[in-house]
């Protein structure tokens, strides 16, 4: 098939170059190939060659030449009306890339459970925003304990932060352990038990407890701690996932619960909490950053992770 028989839409795929479009726009704006060549830093023959190549590729005449200069044809106007949109979108795309390459601006979406959101994540955000005040951080509640990583796989978040309760064998998830945590028995500093230097689980059987649902991993840790000491579960129970419910009941000075050391590090003074001297024998729980494999993280997301690593190195929890 001869060039003239090839539909223009197909010839564009074969012959159209953005640089040639830029040359055409400059010639039309300047009304002269000589002026366009000077503006573009090209020679006049190079400008003429670019226009000729475009005309050959499209099979139409793009410029009317006269002693007074050049004028765009109807075909040139049609092409440039769309071409200017392309150039504008490309400029915007370059701005987007510059934003992505600049960790001082941009956005990051972080998924985490309440236990990590209550203290650690705000501290990471504060460190990040002090260094890069124009970043935007979205925090989304996401339970890493279920180890389903739905929010991460659906790309609703860039990063997930949380504790590892059991081995993870997900092929599409990258895991970076940045610290550790361990559960402790906690009560309000107003509770008389908080003043005791020695206390055992058996002495707390008749106290009201706030526990996690039994089908939850932390709930199973709670049951195992009593089972190891040959004790039944306490009868006075409030069962809830909610951290708000837990904190409000602890504030009465009557209840006990289990909380992680990371949460206590940031909130023991604020919420008047006291860790009781009881070894539950619960396993050490790594704290990790979870990301999707083969997904390129933005500089802002990488900066967030670096701040999380740095902050975790500076605190001691779960020892």
C-alpha atoms as a PDB file:
ATOM      1  CA  UNK A   1       0.000   0.000   0.000  1.00  0.00           C
ATOM      2  CA  UNK A   2       1.403   3.394  -1.038  1.00  0.00           C
ATOM      3  CA  UNK A   3       1.853   6.139   1.569  1.00  0.00           C
ATOM      4  CA  UNK A   4      -1.022   8.154   0.109  1.00  0.00           C
ATOM      5  CA  UNK A   5      -3.290   5.123   0.563  1.00  0.00           C
ATOM      6  CA  UNK A   6      -2.460   4.652   4.243  1.00  0.00           C
ATOM      7  CA  UNK A   7      -5.091   6.314   6.479  1.00  0.00           C
ATOM      8  CA  UNK A   8      -3.662   9.340   8.363  1.00  0.00           C
ATOM      9  CA  UNK A   9      -4.485   7.746  11.747  1.00  0.00           C
ATOM     10  CA  UNK A  10      -2.142   4.865  10.916  1.00  0.00           C
ATOM     11  CA  UNK A  11       0.555   7.130   9.497  1.00  0.00           C
ATOM     12  CA  UNK A  12       0.640   9.043  12.800  1.00  0.00           C
ATOM     13  CA  UNK A  13       1.696   5.860  14.598  1.00  0.00           C
ATOM     14  CA  UNK A  14       4.491   5.384  12.078  1.00  0.00           C
ATOM     15  CA  UNK A  15       5.786   8.896  11.425  1.00  0.00           C
ATOM     16  CA  UNK A  16       4.567  11.536  13.899  1.00  0.00           C
ATOM     17  CA  UNK A  17       7.153  12.871  16.333  1.00  0.00           C
ATOM     18  CA  UNK A  18       6.529  15.280  19.178  1.00  0.00           C
ATOM     19  CA  UNK A  19       9.597  17.323  18.247  1.00  0.00           C
ATOM     20  CA  UNK A  20       8.175  17.869  14.775  1.00  0.00           C
ATOM     21  CA  UNK A  21       4.866  19.001  16.292  1.00  0.00           C
ATOM     22  CA  UNK A  22       6.797  21.447  18.430  1.00  0.00           C
ATOM     23  CA  UNK A  23       8.585  22.769  15.320  1.00  0.00           C
ATOM     24  CA  UNK A  24       5.258  23.197  13.495  1.00  0.00           C
ATOM     25  CA  UNK A  25       3.753  25.093  16.436  1.00  0.00           C
ATOM     26  CA  UNK A  26       6.774  27.398  16.573  1.00  0.00           C
ATOM     27  CA  UNK A  27       6.622  28.106  12.811  1.00  0.00           C
ATOM     28  CA  UNK A  28       2.894  28.915  12.989  1.00  0.00           C
ATOM     29  CA  UNK A  29       3.372  31.136  16.043  1.00  0.00           C
ATOM     30  CA  UNK A  30       6.322  32.986  14.474  1.00  0.00           C
ATOM     31  CA  UNK A  31       4.878  33.092  10.943  1.00  0.00           C
ATOM     32  CA  UNK A  32       8.341  32.353   9.606  1.00  0.00           C
ATOM     33  CA  UNK A  33      10.703  29.390   9.443  1.00  0.00           C
ATOM     34  CA  UNK A  34      13.698  31.651   9.994  1.00  0.00           C
ATOM     35  CA  UNK A  35      12.237  33.131  13.190  1.00  0.00           C
ATOM     36  CA  UNK A  36      11.120  29.664  14.387  1.00  0.00           C
ATOM     37  CA  UNK A  37      14.631  28.293  13.764  1.00  0.00           C
ATOM     38  CA  UNK A  38      16.132  31.093  15.873  1.00  0.00           C
ATOM     39  CA  UNK A  39      13.612  30.516  18.670  1.00  0.00           C
ATOM     40  CA  UNK A  40      14.194  26.759  18.717  1.00  0.00           C
ATOM     41  CA  UNK A  41      17.967  26.991  18.340  1.00  0.00           C
ATOM     42  CA  UNK A  42      17.856  25.030  15.097  1.00  0.00           C
ATOM     43  CA  UNK A  43      19.030  25.700  11.565  1.00  0.00           C
ATOM     44  CA  UNK A  44      16.463  26.721   8.953  1.00  0.00           C
ATOM     45  CA  UNK A  45      17.121  23.560   6.867  1.00  0.00           C
ATOM     46  CA  UNK A  46      16.403  21.440   9.966  1.00  0.00           C
ATOM     47  CA  UNK A  47      13.118  23.260  10.499  1.00  0.00           C
ATOM     48  CA  UNK A  48      12.176  22.827   6.844  1.00  0.00           C
ATOM     49  CA  UNK A  49      13.050  19.121   7.048  1.00  0.00           C
ATOM     50  CA  UNK A  50      10.885  18.646  10.121  1.00  0.00           C
ATOM     51  CA  UNK A  51       7.883  20.282   8.433  1.00  0.00           C
ATOM     52  CA  UNK A  52       8.457  18.292   5.242  1.00  0.00           C
ATOM     53  CA  UNK A  53       8.645  15.068   7.240  1.00  0.00           C
ATOM     54  CA  UNK A  54       5.345  15.872   8.957  1.00  0.00           C
ATOM     55  CA  UNK A  55       3.639  16.670   5.670  1.00  0.00           C
ATOM     56  CA  UNK A  56       4.938  13.488   4.091  1.00  0.00           C
ATOM     57  CA  UNK A  57       3.881  11.405   7.052  1.00  0.00           C
ATOM     58  CA  UNK A  58       0.369  12.860   7.172  1.00  0.00           C
ATOM     59  CA  UNK A  59      -0.077  13.163   3.415  1.00  0.00           C
ATOM     60  CA  UNK A  60      -1.349  16.743   3.636  1.00  0.00           C
ATOM     61  CA  UNK A  61       0.057  20.247   3.248  1.00  0.00           C
ATOM     62  CA  UNK A  62       0.453  21.961   6.602  1.00  0.00           C
ATOM     63  CA  UNK A  63       1.736  25.387   5.559  1.00  0.00           C
ATOM     64  CA  UNK A  64       0.943  27.852   2.782  1.00  0.00           C
ATOM     65  CA  UNK A  65       4.135  29.611   1.760  1.00  0.00           C
ATOM     66  CA  UNK A  66       4.242  33.154   0.378  1.00  0.00           C
ATOM     67  CA  UNK A  67       6.743  36.038   0.178  1.00  0.00           C
ATOM     68  CA  UNK A  68       5.229  37.374   3.410  1.00  0.00           C
ATOM     69  CA  UNK A  69       5.990  34.137   5.296  1.00  0.00           C
ATOM     70  CA  UNK A  70       3.909  31.062   6.096  1.00  0.00           C
ATOM     71  CA  UNK A  71       0.291  30.525   7.099  1.00  0.00           C
ATOM     72  CA  UNK A  72      -1.214  27.383   8.635  1.00  0.00           C
ATOM     73  CA  UNK A  73      -3.564  25.379   6.443  1.00  0.00           C
ATOM     74  CA  UNK A  74      -6.836  23.926   7.728  1.00  0.00           C
ATOM     75  CA  UNK A  75      -4.939  20.667   8.314  1.00  0.00           C
ATOM     76  CA  UNK A  76      -2.284  22.403  10.375  1.00  0.00           C
ATOM     77  CA  UNK A  77      -4.912  24.160  12.495  1.00  0.00           C
ATOM     78  CA  UNK A  78      -6.701  20.870  13.088  1.00  0.00           C
ATOM     79  CA  UNK A  79      -3.467  19.158  14.124  1.00  0.00           C
ATOM     80  CA  UNK A  80      -2.257  21.966  16.378  1.00  0.00           C
ATOM     81  CA  UNK A  81      -5.616  22.371  18.119  1.00  0.00           C
ATOM     82  CA  UNK A  82      -5.101  18.859  19.441  1.00  0.00           C
ATOM     83  CA  UNK A  83      -1.339  19.053  19.649  1.00  0.00           C
ATOM     84  CA  UNK A  84      -1.412  21.952  22.085  1.00  0.00           C
ATOM     85  CA  UNK A  85      -3.541  19.826  24.404  1.00  0.00           C
ATOM     86  CA  UNK A  86      -0.915  17.085  24.166  1.00  0.00           C
ATOM     87  CA  UNK A  87       1.878  19.521  25.016  1.00  0.00           C
ATOM     88  CA  UNK A  88      -0.114  20.857  27.953  1.00  0.00           C
ATOM     89  CA  UNK A  89      -0.774  17.349  29.293  1.00  0.00           C
ATOM     90  CA  UNK A  90       2.887  16.451  28.885  1.00  0.00           C
ATOM     91  CA  UNK A  91       3.932  19.565  30.802  1.00  0.00           C
ATOM     92  CA  UNK A  92       1.496  18.598  33.548  1.00  0.00           C
ATOM     93  CA  UNK A  93       2.873  15.061  33.534  1.00  0.00           C
ATOM     94  CA  UNK A  94       6.397  16.439  33.971  1.00  0.00           C
ATOM     95  CA  UNK A  95       5.157  18.520  36.905  1.00  0.00           C
ATOM     96  CA  UNK A  96       3.650  15.362  38.395  1.00  0.00           C
ATOM     97  CA  UNK A  97       6.971  13.558  37.995  1.00  0.00           C
ATOM     98  CA  UNK A  98       8.814  16.454  39.615  1.00  0.00           C
ATOM     99  CA  UNK A  99       6.358  16.268  42.515  1.00  0.00           C
ATOM    100  CA  UNK A 100       6.935  12.531  42.846  1.00  0.00           C
ATOM    101  CA  UNK A 101      10.695  13.037  42.773  1.00  0.00           C
ATOM    102  CA  UNK A 102      10.502  15.714  45.459  1.00  0.00           C
ATOM    103  CA  UNK A 103       9.912  14.200  48.929  1.00  0.00           C
ATOM    104  CA  UNK A 104       9.136  17.669  50.280  1.00  0.00           C
ATOM    105  CA  UNK A 105       5.710  17.518  48.615  1.00  0.00           C
ATOM    106  CA  UNK A 106       3.228  14.882  47.505  1.00  0.00           C
ATOM    107  CA  UNK A 107       1.029  12.372  49.305  1.00  0.00           C
ATOM    108  CA  UNK A 108       1.335   9.016  51.057  1.00  0.00           C
ATOM    109  CA  UNK A 109      -1.427   6.681  52.228  1.00  0.00           C
ATOM    110  CA  UNK A 110      -0.706   4.602  55.322  1.00  0.00           C
ATOM    111  CA  UNK A 111      -2.813   1.732  56.656  1.00  0.00           C
ATOM    112  CA  UNK A 112      -2.472   0.644  60.283  1.00  0.00           C
ATOM    113  CA  UNK A 113      -4.468  -0.737  63.235  1.00  0.00           C
ATOM    114  CA  UNK A 114      -5.582   1.442  66.159  1.00  0.00           C
ATOM    115  CA  UNK A 115      -2.779   0.180  68.371  1.00  0.00           C
ATOM    116  CA  UNK A 116      -0.171   1.613  65.984  1.00  0.00           C
ATOM    117  CA  UNK A 117      -2.206   4.693  65.050  1.00  0.00           C
ATOM    118  CA  UNK A 118      -2.435   5.655  68.734  1.00  0.00           C
ATOM    119  CA  UNK A 119       1.000   7.163  69.144  1.00  0.00           C
ATOM    120  CA  UNK A 120       3.586   5.696  66.811  1.00  0.00           C
ATOM    121  CA  UNK A 121       2.128   6.725  63.438  1.00  0.00           C
ATOM    122  CA  UNK A 122       1.360  10.297  64.616  1.00  0.00           C
ATOM    123  CA  UNK A 123       4.954  10.536  65.848  1.00  0.00           C
ATOM    124  CA  UNK A 124       6.235   9.401  62.439  1.00  0.00           C
ATOM    125  CA  UNK A 125       3.968  11.921  60.699  1.00  0.00           C
ATOM    126  CA  UNK A 126       5.181  14.713  62.958  1.00  0.00           C
ATOM    127  CA  UNK A 127       8.843  13.933  62.198  1.00  0.00           C
ATOM    128  CA  UNK A 128       8.126  13.713  58.471  1.00  0.00           C
ATOM    129  CA  UNK A 129       6.133  16.941  58.329  1.00  0.00           C
ATOM    130  CA  UNK A 130       8.712  18.891  60.311  1.00  0.00           C
ATOM    131  CA  UNK A 131      11.224  18.060  57.584  1.00  0.00           C
ATOM    132  CA  UNK A 132       8.775  18.264  54.677  1.00  0.00           C
ATOM    133  CA  UNK A 133       5.894  20.548  55.706  1.00  0.00           C
ATOM    134  CA  UNK A 134       4.037  20.313  52.387  1.00  0.00           C
ATOM    135  CA  UNK A 135       3.438  16.552  52.343  1.00  0.00           C
ATOM    136  CA  UNK A 136      -0.055  15.147  52.830  1.00  0.00           C
ATOM    137  CA  UNK A 137      -0.478  11.929  54.835  1.00  0.00           C
ATOM    138  CA  UNK A 138      -3.673   9.862  54.706  1.00  0.00           C
ATOM    139  CA  UNK A 139      -4.082   7.405  57.623  1.00  0.00           C
ATOM    140  CA  UNK A 140      -6.533   4.562  57.034  1.00  0.00           C
ATOM    141  CA  UNK A 141      -7.586   1.994  59.644  1.00  0.00           C
ATOM    142  CA  UNK A 142      -6.390  -1.410  58.463  1.00  0.00           C
ATOM    143  CA  UNK A 143      -6.021  -4.559  60.540  1.00  0.00           C
ATOM    144  CA  UNK A 144      -2.669  -6.187  59.861  1.00  0.00           C
ATOM    145  CA  UNK A 145      -3.519  -8.881  62.389  1.00  0.00           C
ATOM    146  CA  UNK A 146      -5.771 -10.612  59.862  1.00  0.00           C
ATOM    147  CA  UNK A 147      -2.825 -10.643  57.440  1.00  0.00           C
ATOM    148  CA  UNK A 148      -5.128 -10.305  54.450  1.00  0.00           C
ATOM    149  CA  UNK A 149      -3.574  -7.011  53.232  1.00  0.00           C
ATOM    150  CA  UNK A 150      -6.700  -6.153  51.238  1.00  0.00           C
ATOM    151  CA  UNK A 151      -6.118  -2.379  51.391  1.00  0.00           C
ATOM    152  CA  UNK A 152      -2.563  -2.856  50.139  1.00  0.00           C
ATOM    153  CA  UNK A 153      -3.520  -5.191  47.293  1.00  0.00           C
ATOM    154  CA  UNK A 154      -6.326  -2.899  46.175  1.00  0.00           C
ATOM    155  CA  UNK A 155      -3.820  -0.010  46.279  1.00  0.00           C
ATOM    156  CA  UNK A 156      -5.943   1.985  48.692  1.00  0.00           C
ATOM    157  CA  UNK A 157      -2.758   2.454  50.729  1.00  0.00           C
ATOM    158  CA  UNK A 158       0.924   2.665  49.806  1.00  0.00           C
ATOM    159  CA  UNK A 159       2.207   1.243  53.075  1.00  0.00           C
ATOM    160  CA  UNK A 160       0.844  -0.828  55.946  1.00  0.00           C
ATOM    161  CA  UNK A 161       2.305  -0.764  59.450  1.00  0.00           C
ATOM    162  CA  UNK A 162       1.534  -3.304  62.123  1.00  0.00           C
ATOM    163  CA  UNK A 163       2.502  -6.272  64.230  1.00  0.00           C
ATOM    164  CA  UNK A 164       3.239  -9.764  62.910  1.00  0.00           C
ATOM    165  CA  UNK A 165       1.392 -12.373  64.949  1.00  0.00           C
ATOM    166  CA  UNK A 166       2.294 -15.444  62.904  1.00  0.00           C
ATOM    167  CA  UNK A 167       4.559 -16.316  59.940  1.00  0.00           C
ATOM    168  CA  UNK A 168       3.569 -14.603  56.681  1.00  0.00           C
ATOM    169  CA  UNK A 169       3.955 -16.489  53.420  1.00  0.00           C
ATOM    170  CA  UNK A 170       2.299 -14.046  51.017  1.00  0.00           C
ATOM    171  CA  UNK A 171       4.248 -14.055  47.732  1.00  0.00           C
ATOM    172  CA  UNK A 172       3.208 -10.538  46.725  1.00  0.00           C
ATOM    173  CA  UNK A 173       3.989  -8.769  50.015  1.00  0.00           C
ATOM    174  CA  UNK A 174       7.353  -7.308  51.047  1.00  0.00           C
ATOM    175  CA  UNK A 175       7.952  -7.297  54.800  1.00  0.00           C
ATOM    176  CA  UNK A 176      10.518  -5.156  56.601  1.00  0.00           C
ATOM    177  CA  UNK A 177      10.741  -5.678  60.359  1.00  0.00           C
ATOM    178  CA  UNK A 178      11.588  -2.369  62.044  1.00  0.00           C
ATOM    179  CA  UNK A 179      11.086  -3.252  65.718  1.00  0.00           C
ATOM    180  CA  UNK A 180       9.324  -5.441  68.225  1.00  0.00           C
ATOM    181  CA  UNK A 181       6.469  -5.407  70.709  1.00  0.00           C
ATOM    182  CA  UNK A 182       5.162  -7.467  73.609  1.00  0.00           C
ATOM    183  CA  UNK A 183       1.850  -7.525  75.438  1.00  0.00           C
ATOM    184  CA  UNK A 184       1.565  -6.525  79.093  1.00  0.00           C
ATOM    185  CA  UNK A 185      -1.175  -6.434  81.712  1.00  0.00           C
ATOM    186  CA  UNK A 186      -2.222  -2.798  82.137  1.00  0.00           C
ATOM    187  CA  UNK A 187      -4.512  -0.868  84.435  1.00  0.00           C
ATOM    188  CA  UNK A 188      -5.124   2.730  85.462  1.00  0.00           C
ATOM    189  CA  UNK A 189      -2.578   4.316  87.807  1.00  0.00           C
ATOM    190  CA  UNK A 190      -5.608   5.048  90.033  1.00  0.00           C
ATOM    191  CA  UNK A 191      -6.190   1.355  90.584  1.00  0.00           C
ATOM    192  CA  UNK A 192      -4.854   0.158  93.956  1.00  0.00           C
ATOM    193  CA  UNK A 193      -3.252  -2.813  92.212  1.00  0.00           C
ATOM    194  CA  UNK A 194      -1.005  -0.429  90.261  1.00  0.00           C
ATOM    195  CA  UNK A 195       0.877   0.382  93.478  1.00  0.00           C
ATOM    196  CA  UNK A 196       1.845  -3.215  94.167  1.00  0.00           C
ATOM    197  CA  UNK A 197       5.364  -4.393  93.382  1.00  0.00           C
ATOM    198  CA  UNK A 198       4.347  -8.010  93.019  1.00  0.00           C
ATOM    199  CA  UNK A 199       1.142  -9.410  91.613  1.00  0.00           C
ATOM    200  CA  UNK A 200       0.082 -12.623  89.880  1.00  0.00           C
ATOM    201  CA  UNK A 201      -2.659 -13.490  87.429  1.00  0.00           C
ATOM    202  CA  UNK A 202      -4.371 -15.677  90.015  1.00  0.00           C
ATOM    203  CA  UNK A 203      -4.895 -12.592  92.198  1.00  0.00           C
ATOM    204  CA  UNK A 204      -6.691 -10.824  89.357  1.00  0.00           C
ATOM    205  CA  UNK A 205      -9.309 -13.466  88.635  1.00  0.00           C
ATOM    206  CA  UNK A 206     -12.138 -11.517  90.285  1.00  0.00           C
ATOM    207  CA  UNK A 207     -11.246  -8.194  88.637  1.00  0.00           C
ATOM    208  CA  UNK A 208     -13.106  -6.814  85.596  1.00  0.00           C
ATOM    209  CA  UNK A 209     -11.159  -7.269  82.372  1.00  0.00           C
ATOM    210  CA  UNK A 210     -11.413  -5.766  78.887  1.00  0.00           C
ATOM    211  CA  UNK A 211     -10.408  -8.417  76.392  1.00  0.00           C
ATOM    212  CA  UNK A 212     -10.321  -8.962  72.656  1.00  0.00           C
ATOM    213  CA  UNK A 213     -12.804 -11.368  71.021  1.00  0.00           C
ATOM    214  CA  UNK A 214     -11.626 -14.972  71.458  1.00  0.00           C
ATOM    215  CA  UNK A 215     -11.310 -15.527  67.696  1.00  0.00           C
ATOM    216  CA  UNK A 216      -8.752 -12.694  67.526  1.00  0.00           C
ATOM    217  CA  UNK A 217      -5.016 -13.433  67.744  1.00  0.00           C
ATOM    218  CA  UNK A 218      -4.539 -11.156  70.772  1.00  0.00           C
ATOM    219  CA  UNK A 219      -7.606 -12.749  72.355  1.00  0.00           C
ATOM    220  CA  UNK A 220      -5.986 -16.164  71.948  1.00  0.00           C
ATOM    221  CA  UNK A 221      -2.789 -14.833  73.582  1.00  0.00           C
ATOM    222  CA  UNK A 222      -4.889 -13.715  76.552  1.00  0.00           C
ATOM    223  CA  UNK A 223      -6.491 -17.147  76.918  1.00  0.00           C
ATOM    224  CA  UNK A 224      -3.126 -18.904  76.551  1.00  0.00           C
ATOM    225  CA  UNK A 225      -1.573 -16.777  79.329  1.00  0.00           C
ATOM    226  CA  UNK A 226      -4.213 -17.983  81.825  1.00  0.00           C
ATOM    227  CA  UNK A 227      -4.128 -21.540  80.511  1.00  0.00           C
ATOM    228  CA  UNK A 228      -0.358 -21.788  81.034  1.00  0.00           C
ATOM    229  CA  UNK A 229      -0.875 -21.025  84.704  1.00  0.00           C
ATOM    230  CA  UNK A 230      -3.739 -23.505  85.017  1.00  0.00           C
ATOM    231  CA  UNK A 231      -6.331 -20.759  85.398  1.00  0.00           C
ATOM    232  CA  UNK A 232      -9.746 -20.330  83.804  1.00  0.00           C
ATOM    233  CA  UNK A 233     -10.599 -17.081  82.085  1.00  0.00           C
ATOM    234  CA  UNK A 234     -11.882 -14.277  84.343  1.00  0.00           C
ATOM    235  CA  UNK A 235     -15.684 -14.125  84.471  1.00  0.00           C
ATOM    236  CA  UNK A 236     -15.982 -10.333  84.538  1.00  0.00           C
ATOM    237  CA  UNK A 237     -15.359  -9.397  80.943  1.00  0.00           C
ATOM    238  CA  UNK A 238     -15.965  -6.636  78.470  1.00  0.00           C
ATOM    239  CA  UNK A 239     -15.198  -7.883  74.963  1.00  0.00           C
ATOM    240  CA  UNK A 240     -14.300  -5.243  72.396  1.00  0.00           C
ATOM    241  CA  UNK A 241     -11.882  -4.355  69.605  1.00  0.00           C
ATOM    242  CA  UNK A 242     -12.342  -0.641  70.286  1.00  0.00           C
ATOM    243  CA  UNK A 243      -9.410   1.246  71.744  1.00  0.00           C
ATOM    244  CA  UNK A 244     -11.783   4.052  72.784  1.00  0.00           C
ATOM    245  CA  UNK A 245     -13.894   1.628  74.823  1.00  0.00           C
ATOM    246  CA  UNK A 246     -10.752   0.224  76.403  1.00  0.00           C
ATOM    247  CA  UNK A 247      -9.361   3.632  77.385  1.00  0.00           C
ATOM    248  CA  UNK A 248     -12.640   4.944  78.809  1.00  0.00           C
ATOM    249  CA  UNK A 249     -13.114   1.873  80.981  1.00  0.00           C
ATOM    250  CA  UNK A 250      -9.504   1.907  82.160  1.00  0.00           C
ATOM    251  CA  UNK A 251      -9.994   5.543  83.187  1.00  0.00           C
ATOM    252  CA  UNK A 252     -12.542   4.406  85.810  1.00  0.00           C
ATOM    253  CA  UNK A 253      -9.674   2.870  87.771  1.00  0.00           C
ATOM    254  CA  UNK A 254     -11.358  -0.555  88.001  1.00  0.00           C
ATOM    255  CA  UNK A 255     -10.534  -2.447  84.814  1.00  0.00           C
ATOM    256  CA  UNK A 256      -7.525  -4.364  83.536  1.00  0.00           C
ATOM    257  CA  UNK A 257      -6.528  -5.247  79.999  1.00  0.00           C
ATOM    258  CA  UNK A 258      -3.613  -6.269  77.791  1.00  0.00           C
ATOM    259  CA  UNK A 259      -1.848  -3.644  75.696  1.00  0.00           C
ATOM    260  CA  UNK A 260       1.307  -3.573  73.591  1.00  0.00           C
ATOM    261  CA  UNK A 261       4.458  -1.847  74.718  1.00  0.00           C
ATOM    262  CA  UNK A 262       4.487   0.453  71.674  1.00  0.00           C
ATOM    263  CA  UNK A 263       1.105   1.917  72.580  1.00  0.00           C
ATOM    264  CA  UNK A 264       2.164   2.287  76.224  1.00  0.00           C
ATOM    265  CA  UNK A 265       5.354   4.080  75.232  1.00  0.00           C
ATOM    266  CA  UNK A 266       3.326   6.959  73.821  1.00  0.00           C
ATOM    267  CA  UNK A 267       0.281   6.901  76.056  1.00  0.00           C
ATOM    268  CA  UNK A 268       1.056   5.649  79.563  1.00  0.00           C
ATOM    269  CA  UNK A 269       1.441   9.165  80.984  1.00  0.00           C
ATOM    270  CA  UNK A 270      -1.263  10.753  78.849  1.00  0.00           C
ATOM    271  CA  UNK A 271      -3.848   8.150  79.843  1.00  0.00           C
ATOM    272  CA  UNK A 272      -2.428   7.448  83.337  1.00  0.00           C
ATOM    273  CA  UNK A 273      -1.714   3.801  82.600  1.00  0.00           C
ATOM    274  CA  UNK A 274       0.476   1.445  84.602  1.00  0.00           C
ATOM    275  CA  UNK A 275       2.092  -1.769  83.426  1.00  0.00           C
ATOM    276  CA  UNK A 276       1.746  -4.502  86.052  1.00  0.00           C
ATOM    277  CA  UNK A 277       4.784  -6.681  86.931  1.00  0.00           C
ATOM    278  CA  UNK A 278       3.364  -9.865  85.390  1.00  0.00           C
ATOM    279  CA  UNK A 279       5.120 -12.055  82.851  1.00  0.00           C
ATOM    280  CA  UNK A 280       2.369 -13.300  80.558  1.00  0.00           C
ATOM    281  CA  UNK A 281       4.696 -15.475  78.537  1.00  0.00           C
ATOM    282  CA  UNK A 282       3.207 -14.107  75.338  1.00  0.00           C
ATOM    283  CA  UNK A 283       5.394 -14.251  72.228  1.00  0.00           C
ATOM    284  CA  UNK A 284       7.491 -11.373  70.990  1.00  0.00           C
ATOM    285  CA  UNK A 285       5.668  -9.647  68.114  1.00  0.00           C
ATOM    286  CA  UNK A 286       7.728  -8.041  65.334  1.00  0.00           C
ATOM    287  CA  UNK A 287       6.545  -4.653  64.094  1.00  0.00           C
ATOM    288  CA  UNK A 288       6.814  -4.412  60.340  1.00  0.00           C
ATOM    289  CA  UNK A 289       6.297  -2.252  57.288  1.00  0.00           C
ATOM    290  CA  UNK A 290       4.320  -4.050  54.586  1.00  0.00           C
ATOM    291  CA  UNK A 291       4.465  -3.038  50.918  1.00  0.00           C
ATOM    292  CA  UNK A 292       3.495  -4.616  47.611  1.00  0.00           C
ATOM    293  CA  UNK A 293       6.296  -6.304  45.719  1.00  0.00           C
ATOM    294  CA  UNK A 294       7.164  -4.811  42.334  1.00  0.00           C
ATOM    295  CA  UNK A 295       5.317  -1.593  43.141  1.00  0.00           C
ATOM    296  CA  UNK A 296       7.393   1.571  42.874  1.00  0.00           C
ATOM    297  CA  UNK A 297       6.975   3.683  45.995  1.00  0.00           C
ATOM    298  CA  UNK A 298       6.956   7.455  45.730  1.00  0.00           C
ATOM    299  CA  UNK A 299       9.764   9.421  47.399  1.00  0.00           C
ATOM    300  CA  UNK A 300       7.245  10.576  50.027  1.00  0.00           C
ATOM    301  CA  UNK A 301       6.338   6.975  50.867  1.00  0.00           C
ATOM    302  CA  UNK A 302      10.025   6.073  51.116  1.00  0.00           C
ATOM    303  CA  UNK A 303      10.624   9.097  53.339  1.00  0.00           C
ATOM    304  CA  UNK A 304       7.778   7.971  55.619  1.00  0.00           C
ATOM    305  CA  UNK A 305       9.298   4.495  55.933  1.00  0.00           C
ATOM    306  CA  UNK A 306      12.715   5.957  56.721  1.00  0.00           C
ATOM    307  CA  UNK A 307      11.220   8.097  59.477  1.00  0.00           C
ATOM    308  CA  UNK A 308       9.426   5.021  60.862  1.00  0.00           C
ATOM    309  CA  UNK A 309      12.723   3.082  60.919  1.00  0.00           C
ATOM    310  CA  UNK A 310      14.559   5.951  62.568  1.00  0.00           C
ATOM    311  CA  UNK A 311      11.901   6.516  65.192  1.00  0.00           C
ATOM    312  CA  UNK A 312      11.674   2.838  66.072  1.00  0.00           C
ATOM    313  CA  UNK A 313      15.432   2.697  66.588  1.00  0.00           C
ATOM    314  CA  UNK A 314      15.164   5.549  69.101  1.00  0.00           C
ATOM    315  CA  UNK A 315      12.613   3.884  71.402  1.00  0.00           C
ATOM    316  CA  UNK A 316      12.642   0.732  73.480  1.00  0.00           C
ATOM    317  CA  UNK A 317       9.437  -1.287  73.574  1.00  0.00           C
ATOM    318  CA  UNK A 318       8.600  -4.901  74.054  1.00  0.00           C
ATOM    319  CA  UNK A 319      11.933  -5.774  75.632  1.00  0.00           C
END
